[in-house]
Amino acid sequence: MIVLGIESSCDETAVSICKDGKILSNIVSSQQVHSNYGGVVPEVASREHDRLLNQLVIKSIKEANISLNDIQGIGVTKGPGLAGTLLTGVSFAKGFSQSLNIPIIGINHLEAHIYANFLAYPKLEYPLVCLLVSGGHTQIWYIKNIFDYELLGDTRDDAAGEAFDKGARILGLGYPGGPIIEKIAKKGNGDLISFPKAFMEKDNLEFSFSGLKTSLLYLVKKNQLFEMEDIVASYQKAILDVLVTKLARSVIIKKVNTCIIAGGVAANKSLRRLVEDKLNATINVYYPDINLCTDNAAMIAFLAEIYFKKGIRSNLDFEVIPNLKLK
C-alpha cells in the first residue's frame, strides 16, 4: 500500500511517501525564520506550511518515482502541536483525500514518534519500554503490544526539549537550543557544576526540569567565573542523567529486555552514548536514525499504513487536537 504522510505540528513542514513499510521519499523543510525570534511564531509557521505543502508533495511524488494516482491513502498529524499549524496540514490533507477519493487518517504525533523505531527496525518485538523525549513531552511508556500502552512516568512541568531551549535562551545561545547545547557541551567539563535533579528517589519515574532551569538562571545572574562550555556541558549532563536513570529504572521494574528511544531529543548523540553505556550490556537498545527522530512525515505515513491495513480510518470531519494525549 502506498501512503502519503503529512506532518505540520510545529515548525517543520514534512511530506513522505511510504510503501509496505518502506520509505520511498522523505522530505523535511525546517523553517529557519524562527531563529530570529528565539522560538516558534505560530502564525509564521502556519503561513510557511501553507506555502510549502503543495510543492513538497509534488517533490515527494517525483522522488518516490510514482504518479499522483498511485497514492492509496493519506495520513496527517492531528495533534499534539500548535493549533494553527496542525489545521494547515489537516485542511490540506482533507482536500487531497477528497480530490483523489482515498482514505485519510489523523495520526497522533507522539504515537508516530514511537513507531519510527518500528519503521527503522521492523523485527522489533514486544513488550518493551520507550523513552519518549521531545520539545513538548518527556514520558516513559511500557508497550505491551501494538497500540497497548501504559504510562510509567511523565513530566510535571517542562519537557527535556523545553529545558534545552530555555537553557539556551538564558545563556543567549539561540534557537533551537538542543543542537546548540549539544555542540558546545562537547568542549566542556560536565562534572564541574552540580545542577539539581528532581525526583531521583528510588522507583520514581516522574520528571521535572523547572528547578534545573531556575538553577541555571541563578548561576548566570551570580556571574560566577565558569567557562560557557563547562556550564553548558554540566547543564546537558544534568538533563541526560535524569533521562537515563529513569529509563534504566523502568526497564528493571517492567523486566523487559528491549528499550527504545523516540522523539527529537533522541537525536542527541550524548544521550545515545549514555544509554548504551548504562544499558546496552544487559538489554537491547534501539533508536532510529537522526532523520527519523526529529519531526518527519515518514513516521506519519508508516503508522497510517498500519492503521489502514487494520481497517481503521478517519471520517473527513475529524478535528485537530492541539493537546492530544497518547492512551
Protein backbone atom coordinates (compact mmCIF):
# COMPACT_ATOMS: atom_id res chain seq x y z
CA MET A 1 0.00 0.00 0.00
CA ILE A 2 1.31 3.45 -0.94
CA VAL A 3 0.60 6.12 1.69
CA LEU A 4 1.32 9.85 1.74
CA GLY A 5 2.25 11.32 5.11
CA ILE A 6 1.99 14.99 6.15
CA GLU A 7 3.50 16.50 9.31
CA SER A 8 2.91 20.13 10.32
CA SER A 9 2.63 20.08 14.11
CA CYS A 10 5.25 22.78 14.69
CA ASP A 11 7.92 24.41 12.52
CA GLU A 12 8.89 21.55 10.22
CA THR A 13 6.93 21.12 7.01
CA ALA A 14 7.31 17.44 6.17
CA VAL A 15 5.98 15.16 3.45
CA SER A 16 6.77 11.49 2.89
CA ILE A 17 5.62 8.55 0.83
CA CYS A 18 5.87 5.00 2.18
CA LYS A 19 5.02 1.70 0.56
CA ASP A 20 4.60 -1.51 2.55
CA GLY A 21 6.68 -0.20 5.44
CA LYS A 22 9.46 1.18 3.24
CA ILE A 23 10.30 4.85 2.71
CA LEU A 24 10.10 5.96 -0.92
CA SER A 25 10.63 9.65 -0.18
CA ASN A 26 11.03 11.71 2.97
CA ILE A 27 11.29 15.49 2.72
CA VAL A 28 11.56 17.91 5.64
CA SER A 29 11.73 21.69 5.29
CA SER A 30 12.85 23.33 8.54
CA GLN A 31 11.69 26.91 8.97
CA GLN A 32 14.86 28.81 9.84
CA VAL A 33 12.96 32.09 10.16
CA HIS A 34 12.03 31.28 13.77
CA SER A 35 15.63 31.53 14.95
CA ASN A 36 15.27 35.30 14.59
CA TYR A 37 12.56 35.29 17.27
CA GLY A 38 14.12 32.87 19.76
CA GLY A 39 11.25 30.41 19.33
CA VAL A 40 8.43 29.33 17.05
CA VAL A 41 5.93 32.00 15.98
CA PRO A 42 2.69 30.09 15.24
CA GLU A 43 1.32 32.50 12.63
CA VAL A 44 4.59 32.49 10.71
CA ALA A 45 4.82 28.70 10.90
CA SER A 46 1.27 28.29 9.56
CA ARG A 47 1.97 30.57 6.60
CA GLU A 48 5.14 28.65 5.80
CA HIS A 49 3.29 25.32 5.89
CA ASP A 50 0.64 26.72 3.57
CA ARG A 51 3.31 27.97 1.18
CA LEU A 52 5.35 24.76 1.15
CA LEU A 53 2.98 21.81 1.37
CA ASN A 54 1.88 21.59 -2.26
CA GLN A 55 5.39 21.93 -3.67
CA LEU A 56 6.77 19.38 -1.20
CA VAL A 57 4.07 16.87 -2.17
CA ILE A 58 4.98 17.29 -5.83
CA LYS A 59 8.67 16.85 -4.99
CA SER A 60 7.95 13.82 -2.81
CA ILE A 61 5.95 12.10 -5.56
CA LYS A 62 8.77 12.72 -8.00
CA GLU A 63 11.42 11.34 -5.62
CA ALA A 64 9.28 8.28 -4.94
CA ASN A 65 9.06 7.67 -8.69
CA ILE A 66 5.30 7.21 -8.60
CA SER A 67 2.31 9.06 -10.03
CA LEU A 68 -0.29 11.01 -8.10
CA ASN A 69 -2.91 8.34 -8.74
CA ASP A 70 -0.70 5.63 -7.21
CA ILE A 71 -1.31 7.07 -3.73
CA GLN A 72 -3.84 4.89 -1.90
CA GLY A 73 -4.20 6.68 1.43
CA ILE A 74 -3.08 9.72 3.37
CA GLY A 75 -2.02 10.13 7.00
CA VAL A 76 -1.71 13.54 8.64
CA THR A 77 -0.76 14.71 12.11
CA LYS A 78 -3.87 15.78 14.04
CA GLY A 79 -2.07 16.53 17.33
CA PRO A 80 -0.49 17.34 19.62
CA GLY A 81 1.01 20.56 18.37
CA LEU A 82 0.20 24.17 17.53
CA ALA A 83 -3.46 24.61 16.62
CA GLY A 84 -2.86 26.77 13.56
CA THR A 85 -0.07 24.68 12.06
CA LEU A 86 -1.98 21.44 12.65
CA LEU A 87 -5.05 22.92 10.95
CA THR A 88 -3.00 23.93 7.92
CA GLY A 89 -1.75 20.38 7.43
CA VAL A 90 -5.08 18.69 8.14
CA SER A 91 -7.01 21.03 5.81
CA PHE A 92 -4.53 20.33 3.02
CA ALA A 93 -4.73 16.57 3.63
CA LYS A 94 -8.54 16.56 3.65
CA GLY A 95 -8.63 18.35 0.30
CA PHE A 96 -6.08 15.90 -1.08
CA SER A 97 -8.14 12.95 0.18
CA GLN A 98 -11.33 14.27 -1.38
CA SER A 99 -9.74 15.09 -4.72
CA LEU A 100 -8.32 11.57 -5.11
CA ASN A 101 -11.17 9.81 -3.28
CA ILE A 102 -8.75 7.97 -0.99
CA PRO A 103 -8.97 7.23 2.76
CA ILE A 104 -7.48 9.58 5.32
CA ILE A 105 -6.50 9.11 8.94
CA GLY A 106 -5.50 11.62 11.60
CA ILE A 107 -2.34 10.49 13.37
CA ASN A 108 -1.13 11.07 16.93
CA HIS A 109 2.29 12.70 16.61
CA LEU A 110 3.56 11.04 19.81
CA GLU A 111 2.49 7.59 18.70
CA ALA A 112 4.20 8.17 15.35
CA HIS A 113 7.47 9.00 17.13
CA ILE A 114 7.27 5.65 18.91
CA TYR A 115 6.58 3.76 15.69
CA ALA A 116 9.50 5.42 13.95
CA ASN A 117 11.51 2.73 15.75
CA PHE A 118 9.43 0.00 14.12
CA LEU A 119 9.95 1.70 10.76
CA ALA A 120 13.70 1.57 11.36
CA TYR A 121 13.67 -1.91 12.95
CA PRO A 122 10.79 -3.99 11.51
CA LYS A 123 11.71 -7.02 13.64
CA LEU A 124 11.32 -5.22 16.98
CA GLU A 125 9.37 -7.37 19.40
CA TYR A 126 7.03 -6.57 22.29
CA PRO A 127 6.97 -5.98 25.20
CA LEU A 128 9.35 -3.05 25.52
CA VAL A 129 9.91 0.23 27.31
CA CYS A 130 10.05 3.54 25.41
CA LEU A 131 11.63 6.82 26.48
CA LEU A 132 9.67 9.42 24.51
CA VAL A 133 11.54 12.69 24.77
CA SER A 134 10.88 15.78 22.68
CA GLY A 135 10.30 19.52 22.84
CA GLY A 136 6.90 19.20 24.46
CA HIS A 137 6.94 15.75 26.07
CA THR A 138 9.12 13.64 28.33
CA GLN A 139 7.49 10.31 29.10
CA ILE A 140 8.28 6.66 29.73
CA TRP A 141 5.90 4.12 28.25
CA TYR A 142 5.53 0.40 28.73
CA ILE A 143 4.33 -1.02 25.42
CA LYS A 144 2.87 -4.47 25.94
CA ASN A 145 1.73 -4.99 22.35
CA ILE A 146 0.76 -2.98 19.32
CA PHE A 147 -1.34 0.04 20.42
CA ASP A 148 -1.28 -1.21 24.03
CA TYR A 149 0.37 1.48 26.17
CA GLU A 150 0.93 2.05 29.88
CA LEU A 151 2.30 5.41 31.01
CA LEU A 152 5.04 4.85 33.60
CA GLY A 153 6.37 8.39 34.01
CA ASP A 154 5.64 11.90 32.79
CA THR A 155 6.96 15.41 33.35
CA ARG A 156 5.37 17.61 36.00
CA ASP A 157 6.38 20.82 34.21
CA ASP A 158 8.90 21.38 31.42
CA ALA A 159 9.84 18.66 28.97
CA ALA A 160 13.50 17.88 28.33
CA GLY A 161 13.39 19.61 24.95
CA GLU A 162 11.98 22.73 26.61
CA ALA A 163 14.78 22.58 29.17
CA PHE A 164 17.30 22.65 26.34
CA ASP A 165 15.56 25.52 24.55
CA LYS A 166 15.01 27.61 27.70
CA GLY A 167 18.54 26.94 28.91
CA ALA A 168 19.95 28.11 25.59
CA ARG A 169 17.79 31.23 25.80
CA ILE A 170 19.04 32.02 29.32
CA LEU A 171 22.61 31.66 28.10
CA GLY A 172 21.98 33.72 24.96
CA LEU A 173 22.86 30.86 22.64
CA GLY A 174 19.96 30.99 20.19
CA TYR A 175 17.22 28.65 18.98
CA PRO A 176 16.71 25.70 18.74
CA GLY A 177 18.60 25.02 21.96
CA GLY A 178 19.14 21.27 21.78
CA PRO A 179 21.62 21.08 18.88
CA ILE A 180 23.42 24.24 20.05
CA ILE A 181 23.88 22.95 23.59
CA GLU A 182 24.97 19.53 22.37
CA LYS A 183 27.65 21.10 20.16
CA ILE A 184 29.05 23.43 22.84
CA ALA A 185 28.90 20.73 25.54
CA LYS A 186 31.45 18.64 23.66
CA LYS A 187 34.11 21.20 24.62
CA GLY A 188 33.22 21.42 28.31
CA ASN A 189 33.52 19.51 31.58
CA GLY A 190 30.08 18.17 32.50
CA ASP A 191 31.18 17.24 36.02
CA LEU A 192 32.27 20.74 37.04
CA ILE A 193 28.91 22.18 38.12
CA SER A 194 26.30 20.28 40.11
CA PHE A 195 22.79 21.15 38.93
CA PRO A 196 19.68 19.86 40.77
CA LYS A 197 17.99 16.66 39.58
CA ALA A 198 14.35 16.19 40.59
CA PHE A 199 12.51 13.02 41.66
CA MET A 200 15.64 10.89 41.83
CA GLU A 201 14.42 8.76 44.74
CA LYS A 202 14.15 5.01 44.14
CA ASP A 203 11.38 3.80 41.80
CA ASN A 204 10.21 7.34 40.95
CA LEU A 205 9.76 7.64 37.18
CA GLU A 206 8.41 11.22 37.10
CA PHE A 207 10.33 14.14 35.57
CA SER A 208 10.72 17.82 36.42
CA PHE A 209 13.11 20.26 34.79
CA SER A 210 11.82 23.63 36.03
CA GLY A 211 14.17 23.63 39.05
CA LEU A 212 17.12 22.91 36.80
CA LYS A 213 16.23 25.85 34.58
CA THR A 214 15.87 28.14 37.61
CA SER A 215 19.22 26.99 38.96
CA LEU A 216 20.87 27.89 35.66
CA LEU A 217 19.24 31.32 35.75
CA TYR A 218 20.59 31.98 39.26
CA LEU A 219 24.04 30.81 38.21
CA VAL A 220 24.09 33.25 35.30
CA LYS A 221 22.82 36.13 37.48
CA LYS A 222 25.54 35.48 40.06
CA ASN A 223 28.06 35.78 37.23
CA GLN A 224 30.31 33.11 38.68
CA LEU A 225 33.57 32.54 36.87
CA PHE A 226 32.74 29.43 34.88
CA GLU A 227 33.55 28.92 31.23
CA MET A 228 30.48 28.80 28.98
CA GLU A 229 31.47 25.34 27.72
CA ASP A 230 31.54 23.96 31.27
CA ILE A 231 28.17 25.49 32.16
CA VAL A 232 26.58 24.05 29.03
CA ALA A 233 28.17 20.62 29.47
CA SER A 234 27.07 20.42 33.12
CA TYR A 235 23.55 21.57 32.26
CA GLN A 236 23.21 18.99 29.50
CA LYS A 237 24.61 16.26 31.74
CA ALA A 238 22.00 17.02 34.41
CA ILE A 239 19.20 16.58 31.88
CA LEU A 240 20.60 13.42 30.34
CA ASP A 241 21.47 11.78 33.67
CA VAL A 242 17.84 12.06 34.76
CA LEU A 243 16.54 10.63 31.48
CA VAL A 244 18.88 7.65 31.50
CA THR A 245 18.40 6.90 35.20
CA LYS A 246 14.61 6.82 34.84
CA LEU A 247 14.82 4.69 31.69
CA ALA A 248 17.08 2.18 33.45
CA ARG A 249 14.67 2.01 36.39
CA SER A 250 11.69 1.38 34.12
CA VAL A 251 13.48 -1.50 32.40
CA ILE A 252 14.09 -3.15 35.78
CA ILE A 253 10.55 -2.51 37.04
CA LYS A 254 8.91 -3.97 33.93
CA LYS A 255 11.51 -6.75 33.48
CA VAL A 256 11.89 -6.22 29.74
CA ASN A 257 14.95 -6.90 27.62
CA THR A 258 14.28 -4.21 25.00
CA CYS A 259 14.01 -0.43 25.19
CA ILE A 260 13.59 2.21 22.51
CA ILE A 261 14.18 5.96 22.48
CA ALA A 262 11.88 8.22 20.46
CA GLY A 263 11.37 11.92 19.78
CA GLY A 264 13.56 14.82 18.78
CA VAL A 265 15.87 14.68 21.80
CA ALA A 266 16.70 11.08 20.82
CA ALA A 267 18.89 12.66 18.13
CA ASN A 268 21.27 13.81 20.89
CA LYS A 269 24.39 11.68 20.50
CA SER A 270 25.44 12.16 24.11
CA LEU A 271 22.10 10.72 25.21
CA ARG A 272 22.63 7.74 22.95
CA ARG A 273 26.10 7.11 24.36
CA LEU A 274 24.87 7.35 27.95
CA VAL A 275 22.04 4.91 27.31
CA GLU A 276 24.39 2.46 25.64
CA ASP A 277 26.93 2.73 28.45
CA LYS A 278 24.29 2.13 31.12
CA LEU A 279 22.00 -0.40 29.44
CA ASN A 280 23.49 -1.95 26.34
CA ALA A 281 25.38 -4.66 28.23
CA THR A 282 22.17 -6.11 29.64
CA ILE A 283 19.33 -5.24 27.25
CA ASN A 284 18.72 -4.37 23.61
CA VAL A 285 18.66 -0.61 22.97
CA TYR A 286 17.19 0.87 19.78
CA TYR A 287 16.76 4.37 18.39
CA PRO A 288 16.02 5.47 14.81
CA ASP A 289 18.38 7.33 12.52
CA ILE A 290 18.52 11.01 13.39
CA ASN A 291 16.27 11.98 10.45
CA LEU A 292 13.55 9.76 11.96
CA CYS A 293 13.98 11.20 15.48
CA THR A 294 13.23 14.80 14.63
CA ASP A 295 9.81 15.70 13.21
CA ASN A 296 9.23 13.94 9.90
CA ALA A 297 6.38 12.60 7.79
CA ALA A 298 7.76 9.11 7.19
CA MET A 299 6.67 8.09 10.68
CA ILE A 300 3.21 9.53 9.91
CA ALA A 301 2.86 7.61 6.63
CA PHE A 302 4.20 4.41 8.21
CA LEU A 303 1.77 4.49 11.13
CA ALA A 304 -1.11 5.45 8.84
CA GLU A 305 -0.41 2.37 6.73
CA ILE A 306 -0.58 0.16 9.83
CA TYR A 307 -3.97 1.62 10.71
CA PHE A 308 -5.29 1.34 7.15
CA LYS A 309 -4.31 -2.33 6.98
CA LYS A 310 -6.27 -2.89 10.19
CA GLY A 311 -9.30 -1.31 8.55
CA ILE A 312 -9.10 1.90 10.60
CA ARG A 313 -9.59 5.32 9.02
CA SER A 314 -10.93 8.76 9.94
CA ASN A 315 -14.08 10.49 8.79
CA LEU A 316 -13.50 13.71 6.89
CA ASP A 317 -14.92 15.78 9.74
CA PHE A 318 -12.17 14.88 12.25
CA GLU A 319 -10.65 17.84 14.05
CA VAL A 320 -7.16 18.81 15.16
CA ILE A 321 -6.42 18.27 18.86
CA PRO A 322 -3.53 20.52 19.98
CA ASN A 323 -3.29 18.86 23.41
CA LEU A 324 -3.84 15.29 22.18
CA LYS A 325 -2.67 12.61 24.59
CA LEU A 326 -1.45 9.09 23.97
CA LYS A 327 -3.60 6.46 25.66
